[in-house]
Each structure stands twice: as structure tokens, then as C-alpha cells.
Amino acid sequence: MLKKIHALHTTKTENKLCPYIENPSKSCYCTSLNSMKILLVVEYCMNNYYKCPIFQKLPGEQRRG
């Protein structure tokens, strides 16, 4: 489902998914997706993942994007 949302969101500008999208943390917005989190997923799991408050707290390697 997230890939479908991303496909709809994709424009001619470069779009990058959060590096955690394939293997998210239990605290990530996309792990238990519901209507209340859709806007957060679109906002943070896509182009602006580096601004995500959850992403900023996650350790390590994948944060380098």
C-alpha cells in the first residue's frame, strides 16, 4: 500500500522513501497504518523523512540515507 501511495505522490522532482520503509521500526508511522496516520506517512515516509521525529531518534547506518 505504501508503494501505491508513493507512486501517486511521485512527481518529476526526485522522491526518496525513508530508508526504514522496507523494515520499519515498531515506532514508525507506517507500521500500524490507519486513517489518522496517512498524512504523517505521506509527509514523513516520503521526501521529508529526514524531518521525521521518529527517524531522527533512530540509530545508525540507515539514517545516512
N, C-alpha and C. Protein backbone atom coordinates (compact mmCIF):
# COMPACT_ATOMS: atom_id res chain seq x y z
N MET A 1 0.81 -1.20 0.00
CA MET A 1 0.00 0.00 0.00
C MET A 1 0.85 1.26 0.00
N LEU A 2 1.95 1.26 0.74
CA LEU A 2 2.81 2.43 0.79
C LEU A 2 3.44 2.73 -0.56
N LYS A 3 3.77 1.68 -1.29
CA LYS A 3 4.35 1.89 -2.62
C LYS A 3 3.32 2.50 -3.56
N LYS A 4 2.04 2.14 -3.41
CA LYS A 4 0.99 2.74 -4.23
C LYS A 4 0.85 4.22 -3.90
N ILE A 5 0.89 4.56 -2.61
CA ILE A 5 0.80 5.96 -2.20
C ILE A 5 1.99 6.73 -2.76
N HIS A 6 3.17 6.12 -2.68
CA HIS A 6 4.37 6.77 -3.21
C HIS A 6 4.25 7.00 -4.70
N ALA A 7 3.72 6.03 -5.43
CA ALA A 7 3.55 6.17 -6.88
C ALA A 7 2.63 7.35 -7.20
N LEU A 8 1.59 7.53 -6.41
CA LEU A 8 0.69 8.65 -6.62
C LEU A 8 1.36 9.98 -6.27
N HIS A 9 2.27 9.94 -5.33
CA HIS A 9 2.93 11.14 -4.82
C HIS A 9 4.10 11.56 -5.71
N THR A 10 4.62 10.65 -6.49
CA THR A 10 5.81 10.91 -7.29
C THR A 10 5.56 12.00 -8.33
N THR A 11 6.47 12.94 -8.38
CA THR A 11 6.43 13.98 -9.39
C THR A 11 7.73 13.93 -10.16
N LYS A 12 7.98 14.92 -10.98
CA LYS A 12 9.22 14.95 -11.75
C LYS A 12 10.43 15.29 -10.89
N THR A 13 10.21 15.78 -9.70
CA THR A 13 11.32 16.02 -8.79
C THR A 13 11.74 14.70 -8.16
N GLU A 14 12.93 14.67 -7.62
CA GLU A 14 13.43 13.44 -7.01
C GLU A 14 12.67 13.14 -5.72
N ASN A 15 12.17 11.92 -5.63
CA ASN A 15 11.46 11.47 -4.43
C ASN A 15 12.21 10.30 -3.84
N LYS A 16 12.41 10.33 -2.56
CA LYS A 16 13.08 9.23 -1.87
C LYS A 16 12.22 8.76 -0.72
N LEU A 17 12.11 7.46 -0.61
CA LEU A 17 11.42 6.87 0.53
C LEU A 17 12.37 6.80 1.71
N CYS A 18 11.83 6.81 2.89
CA CYS A 18 12.62 6.63 4.09
C CYS A 18 13.37 5.30 4.00
N PRO A 19 14.62 5.26 4.41
CA PRO A 19 15.37 4.01 4.35
C PRO A 19 14.77 2.92 5.24
N TYR A 20 13.92 3.28 6.18
CA TYR A 20 13.30 2.31 7.06
C TYR A 20 11.98 1.76 6.52
N ILE A 21 11.53 2.22 5.37
CA ILE A 21 10.22 1.84 4.85
C ILE A 21 10.10 0.34 4.60
N GLU A 22 11.17 -0.31 4.19
CA GLU A 22 11.14 -1.75 3.94
C GLU A 22 11.21 -2.57 5.23
N ASN A 23 11.84 -2.02 6.24
CA ASN A 23 12.00 -2.71 7.52
C ASN A 23 11.84 -1.68 8.63
N PRO A 24 10.61 -1.22 8.85
CA PRO A 24 10.39 -0.11 9.80
C PRO A 24 10.56 -0.50 11.26
N SER A 25 10.87 0.50 12.04
CA SER A 25 10.91 0.36 13.49
C SER A 25 9.47 0.18 13.98
N LYS A 26 9.31 -0.40 15.15
CA LYS A 26 7.96 -0.56 15.72
C LYS A 26 7.31 0.80 15.97
N SER A 27 8.11 1.83 16.12
CA SER A 27 7.56 3.17 16.40
C SER A 27 7.22 3.96 15.14
N CYS A 28 7.59 3.47 13.97
CA CYS A 28 7.34 4.20 12.72
C CYS A 28 5.85 4.35 12.43
N TYR A 29 5.50 5.46 11.81
CA TYR A 29 4.11 5.74 11.46
C TYR A 29 3.52 4.67 10.55
N CYS A 30 4.33 4.07 9.71
CA CYS A 30 3.82 3.13 8.71
C CYS A 30 3.59 1.72 9.25
N THR A 31 4.00 1.42 10.47
CA THR A 31 3.86 0.05 10.97
C THR A 31 2.43 -0.32 11.30
N SER A 32 1.66 0.59 11.81
CA SER A 32 0.25 0.31 12.08
C SER A 32 -0.56 1.43 11.43
N LEU A 33 -0.60 1.37 10.13
CA LEU A 33 -1.23 2.40 9.33
C LEU A 33 -2.73 2.47 9.57
N ASN A 34 -3.22 3.67 9.79
CA ASN A 34 -4.65 3.89 9.93
C ASN A 34 -4.96 5.27 9.36
N SER A 35 -6.22 5.65 9.35
CA SER A 35 -6.62 6.91 8.74
C SER A 35 -5.99 8.12 9.43
N MET A 36 -5.67 7.98 10.68
CA MET A 36 -5.06 9.09 11.42
C MET A 36 -3.59 9.28 11.06
N LYS A 37 -2.97 8.24 10.52
CA LYS A 37 -1.54 8.30 10.23
C LYS A 37 -1.22 8.51 8.76
N ILE A 38 -2.20 8.44 7.87
CA ILE A 38 -1.94 8.56 6.44
C ILE A 38 -1.17 9.84 6.11
N LEU A 39 -1.61 10.95 6.63
CA LEU A 39 -0.91 12.21 6.33
C LEU A 39 0.51 12.22 6.86
N LEU A 40 0.72 11.61 8.02
CA LEU A 40 2.08 11.52 8.58
C LEU A 40 2.96 10.64 7.71
N VAL A 41 2.41 9.56 7.22
CA VAL A 41 3.18 8.66 6.33
C VAL A 41 3.56 9.40 5.05
N VAL A 42 2.60 10.09 4.45
CA VAL A 42 2.89 10.83 3.23
C VAL A 42 3.92 11.92 3.50
N GLU A 43 3.79 12.61 4.61
CA GLU A 43 4.71 13.70 4.94
C GLU A 43 6.11 13.20 5.28
N TYR A 44 6.20 12.18 6.13
CA TYR A 44 7.49 11.79 6.66
C TYR A 44 8.12 10.56 6.03
N CYS A 45 7.36 9.64 5.54
CA CYS A 45 7.95 8.41 4.99
C CYS A 45 8.40 8.60 3.55
N MET A 46 8.10 9.74 3.00
CA MET A 46 8.49 10.05 1.64
C MET A 46 9.55 11.14 1.66
N ASN A 47 9.44 12.13 0.85
CA ASN A 47 10.51 13.13 0.68
C ASN A 47 11.08 13.71 1.97
N ASN A 48 10.28 13.90 2.97
CA ASN A 48 10.73 14.60 4.17
C ASN A 48 11.10 13.67 5.32
N TYR A 49 11.51 12.45 5.01
CA TYR A 49 11.80 11.51 6.09
C TYR A 49 12.88 12.01 7.04
N TYR A 50 13.80 12.80 6.55
CA TYR A 50 14.87 13.33 7.41
C TYR A 50 14.33 14.32 8.44
N LYS A 51 13.11 14.84 8.23
CA LYS A 51 12.48 15.75 9.21
C LYS A 51 11.61 14.99 10.21
N CYS A 52 11.42 13.72 10.00
CA CYS A 52 10.54 12.91 10.84
C CYS A 52 11.11 12.81 12.26
N PRO A 53 10.29 13.10 13.26
CA PRO A 53 10.77 13.00 14.64
C PRO A 53 11.17 11.58 15.03
N ILE A 54 10.52 10.60 14.45
CA ILE A 54 10.88 9.20 14.74
C ILE A 54 12.20 8.86 14.07
N PHE A 55 12.36 9.21 12.81
CA PHE A 55 13.60 8.96 12.07
C PHE A 55 14.79 9.59 12.78
N GLN A 56 14.62 10.79 13.27
CA GLN A 56 15.71 11.49 13.94
C GLN A 56 16.18 10.79 15.21
N LYS A 57 15.30 10.00 15.82
CA LYS A 57 15.66 9.28 17.05
C LYS A 57 16.23 7.90 16.79
N LEU A 58 16.07 7.39 15.55
CA LEU A 58 16.55 6.04 15.25
C LEU A 58 18.06 6.06 15.08
N PRO A 59 18.72 5.01 15.54
CA PRO A 59 20.18 4.96 15.46
C PRO A 59 20.66 4.62 14.06
N GLY A 60 21.82 5.04 13.79
CA GLY A 60 22.70 4.43 12.87
C GLY A 60 22.75 4.53 11.39
N GLU A 61 23.10 3.38 10.86
CA GLU A 61 23.50 3.26 9.47
C GLU A 61 22.49 3.78 8.47
N GLN A 62 21.24 3.42 8.63
CA GLN A 62 20.23 3.80 7.63
C GLN A 62 19.92 5.29 7.68
N ARG A 63 20.22 5.97 8.76
CA ARG A 63 19.94 7.40 8.85
C ARG A 63 20.73 8.19 7.84
N ARG A 64 21.79 7.63 7.34
CA ARG A 64 22.61 8.36 6.36
C ARG A 64 21.91 8.46 5.02
N GLY A 65 20.85 7.65 4.82
CA GLY A 65 20.02 7.70 3.63
C GLY A 65 20.78 7.53 2.39
